[in-house]
Amino acid sequence: MRSLLLGFILLTISPFSYSETPVGANFMLKDTAGMQHKLSNYKGKWVLVNYWATWCPPCLEEVPDLVNLYDHHKNKDLMVIGVVFDYTNIKEVETYVDDMLMSYPIVLGDDAVTVQIGLADVLPTTFIYNPQGQLVKIKRGIITKQYIEKMIGQNKP
């Protein structure tokens, strides 16, 4: 019983545990520029919510593909929102975002974000919503441009 309770406590306080958001949930996130991003505002587009950290080598590796996807698809069929976890301060995040030329919106991760989107047991983790606003995939580990473009292409009418 004690170990079960401890496991429950760890799952509820760790931002890197796994929990799935109800399909079609309408999140609302505020980015570092003060803009609000609501899932329903992106109806008709694929939405990627990518959890990452500045200390995470695989996160660093996937950033160029996410930037490329966002820059080439943002006005058509895709939105990318980065959510940073486990950072020291906002300056650290801003420097990283600037150095990596991250053009997509960045949200500071906290409990309010994980309640709306879900928890992750590894970084990076990407939550993928289809154009109808339904969560269709939770991709743990590095995500590539090819992976996303294949997913989008397979699901075009």
Protein backbone atom coordinates (compact mmCIF):
# COMPACT_ATOMS: atom_id res chain seq x y z
CA MET A 1 0.00 0.00 0.00
CA ARG A 2 2.80 2.41 0.93
CA SER A 3 4.63 1.82 -2.38
CA LEU A 4 1.37 2.30 -4.28
CA LEU A 5 0.81 5.63 -2.52
CA LEU A 6 4.41 6.72 -3.19
CA GLY A 7 4.01 5.82 -6.88
CA PHE A 8 0.81 7.87 -7.04
CA ILE A 9 2.53 10.85 -5.43
CA LEU A 10 5.47 10.64 -7.85
CA LEU A 11 3.16 10.39 -10.85
CA THR A 12 1.15 13.40 -9.78
CA ILE A 13 4.11 15.69 -9.09
CA SER A 14 6.54 14.71 -11.85
CA PRO A 15 6.18 16.66 -15.11
CA PHE A 16 7.88 13.80 -16.93
CA SER A 17 5.41 11.05 -16.08
CA TYR A 18 2.86 9.90 -18.62
CA SER A 19 -0.80 10.76 -18.74
CA GLU A 20 -3.06 11.10 -21.74
CA THR A 21 -5.26 14.12 -22.34
CA PRO A 22 -8.85 13.41 -23.35
CA VAL A 23 -9.17 13.36 -27.13
CA GLY A 24 -10.32 16.73 -28.45
CA ALA A 25 -9.50 18.66 -25.26
CA ASN A 26 -9.24 22.39 -25.94
CA PHE A 27 -6.05 23.64 -24.32
CA MET A 28 -5.14 27.31 -23.87
CA LEU A 29 -1.45 28.16 -23.52
CA LYS A 30 0.26 31.54 -23.17
CA ASP A 31 3.65 31.89 -24.85
CA THR A 32 6.66 33.93 -23.78
CA ALA A 33 5.54 36.80 -26.05
CA GLY A 34 2.21 36.97 -24.21
CA MET A 35 0.12 35.45 -27.04
CA GLN A 36 -2.53 32.88 -26.21
CA HIS A 37 -2.76 29.66 -28.18
CA LYS A 38 -6.03 27.76 -28.05
CA LEU A 39 -6.35 24.42 -29.82
CA SER A 40 -9.70 25.44 -31.31
CA ASN A 41 -8.00 28.44 -33.00
CA TYR A 42 -6.05 25.99 -35.17
CA LYS A 43 -9.01 23.98 -36.47
CA GLY A 44 -8.10 22.71 -39.93
CA LYS A 45 -4.38 22.47 -39.06
CA TRP A 46 -2.21 19.81 -37.53
CA VAL A 47 -0.90 20.96 -34.14
CA LEU A 48 2.36 19.77 -32.60
CA VAL A 49 2.94 20.50 -28.92
CA ASN A 50 6.59 19.68 -28.30
CA TYR A 51 7.94 19.27 -24.76
CA TRP A 52 11.67 19.97 -24.47
CA ALA A 53 14.45 21.22 -22.18
CA THR A 54 17.57 23.30 -22.77
CA TRP A 55 19.83 20.55 -21.33
CA CYS A 56 18.37 17.79 -23.54
CA PRO A 57 20.62 16.69 -26.49
CA PRO A 58 17.78 14.96 -28.43
CA CYS A 59 15.70 18.14 -28.04
CA LEU A 60 18.56 20.16 -29.53
CA GLU A 61 18.78 17.69 -32.40
CA GLU A 62 15.11 17.97 -33.39
CA VAL A 63 14.84 21.79 -33.26
CA PRO A 64 16.02 22.43 -36.86
CA ASP A 65 13.31 20.08 -38.21
CA LEU A 66 10.63 21.71 -36.06
CA VAL A 67 11.73 25.19 -37.20
CA ASN A 68 11.67 24.02 -40.82
CA LEU A 69 8.22 22.47 -40.44
CA TYR A 70 6.83 25.57 -38.77
CA ASP A 71 8.36 28.01 -41.25
CA HIS A 72 7.11 26.05 -44.28
CA HIS A 73 3.67 25.00 -43.03
CA LYS A 74 2.47 27.65 -40.54
CA ASN A 75 0.37 29.48 -43.12
CA LYS A 76 -1.07 26.26 -44.53
CA ASP A 77 -1.65 23.15 -42.50
CA LEU A 78 0.52 23.02 -39.35
CA MET A 79 1.16 24.78 -36.04
CA VAL A 80 4.11 24.06 -33.75
CA ILE A 81 4.15 25.09 -30.09
CA GLY A 82 7.24 24.40 -27.99
CA VAL A 83 6.87 23.87 -24.24
CA VAL A 84 10.09 24.13 -22.23
CA PHE A 85 10.46 22.28 -18.92
CA ASP A 86 13.15 22.12 -16.27
CA TYR A 87 14.78 25.47 -17.01
CA THR A 88 16.69 27.71 -14.59
CA ASN A 89 15.23 31.07 -15.61
CA ILE A 90 13.55 32.87 -18.51
CA LYS A 91 16.87 34.35 -19.68
CA GLU A 92 18.28 30.84 -20.18
CA VAL A 93 15.24 29.95 -22.31
CA GLU A 94 15.40 33.18 -24.34
CA THR A 95 19.11 32.67 -25.07
CA TYR A 96 18.52 29.07 -26.17
CA VAL A 97 15.55 30.05 -28.37
CA ASP A 98 17.58 32.85 -29.95
CA ASP A 99 20.67 30.66 -30.51
CA MET A 100 18.57 27.92 -32.11
CA LEU A 101 16.55 30.39 -34.26
CA MET A 102 13.31 28.90 -32.92
CA SER A 103 10.61 30.75 -34.85
CA TYR A 104 7.61 28.96 -33.35
CA PRO A 105 5.92 30.04 -30.10
CA ILE A 106 7.50 28.92 -26.82
CA VAL A 107 5.50 28.27 -23.64
CA LEU A 108 7.04 27.96 -20.18
CA GLY A 109 6.00 24.53 -18.93
CA ASP A 110 4.31 24.16 -15.57
CA ASP A 111 1.52 22.21 -13.87
CA ALA A 112 -1.16 24.23 -15.70
CA VAL A 113 0.29 23.05 -19.03
CA THR A 114 0.58 19.38 -18.06
CA VAL A 115 -2.99 19.35 -16.74
CA GLN A 116 -4.21 20.52 -20.16
CA ILE A 117 -1.88 18.63 -22.50
CA GLY A 118 -0.56 15.68 -20.53
CA LEU A 119 2.56 14.51 -18.77
CA ALA A 120 5.63 13.03 -20.46
CA ASP A 121 7.98 10.34 -19.22
CA VAL A 122 10.81 11.36 -21.58
CA LEU A 123 12.05 14.48 -23.32
CA PRO A 124 11.43 15.32 -26.02
CA THR A 125 7.78 14.28 -26.30
CA THR A 126 5.43 15.63 -28.95
CA PHE A 127 1.64 15.61 -28.72
CA ILE A 128 0.14 15.52 -32.22
CA TYR A 129 -3.39 16.80 -32.85
CA ASN A 130 -5.16 16.29 -36.18
CA PRO A 131 -7.00 19.11 -38.02
CA GLN A 132 -10.19 18.21 -36.14
CA GLY A 133 -8.45 18.94 -32.81
CA GLN A 134 -8.15 15.31 -31.70
CA LEU A 135 -5.02 13.98 -30.05
CA VAL A 136 -3.90 11.25 -32.47
CA LYS A 137 -0.34 10.49 -31.38
CA ILE A 138 2.08 10.99 -28.52
CA LYS A 139 5.56 10.65 -30.00
CA ARG A 140 8.29 10.05 -27.44
CA GLY A 141 11.84 10.88 -28.48
CA ILE A 142 13.10 12.79 -31.49
CA ILE A 143 10.56 13.83 -34.08
CA THR A 144 11.63 14.50 -37.65
CA LYS A 145 10.31 16.60 -40.50
CA GLN A 146 9.90 13.44 -42.58
CA TYR A 147 7.82 11.75 -39.86
CA ILE A 148 5.41 14.69 -39.63
CA GLU A 149 5.17 15.29 -43.38
CA LYS A 150 4.43 11.60 -43.90
CA MET A 151 1.71 11.73 -41.23
CA ILE A 152 0.16 14.86 -42.77
CA GLY A 153 0.41 13.44 -46.29
CA GLN A 154 -1.23 10.13 -45.36
CA ASN A 155 -4.18 11.92 -43.84
CA LYS A 156 -5.01 14.36 -46.65
CA PRO A 157 -8.39 13.92 -48.30
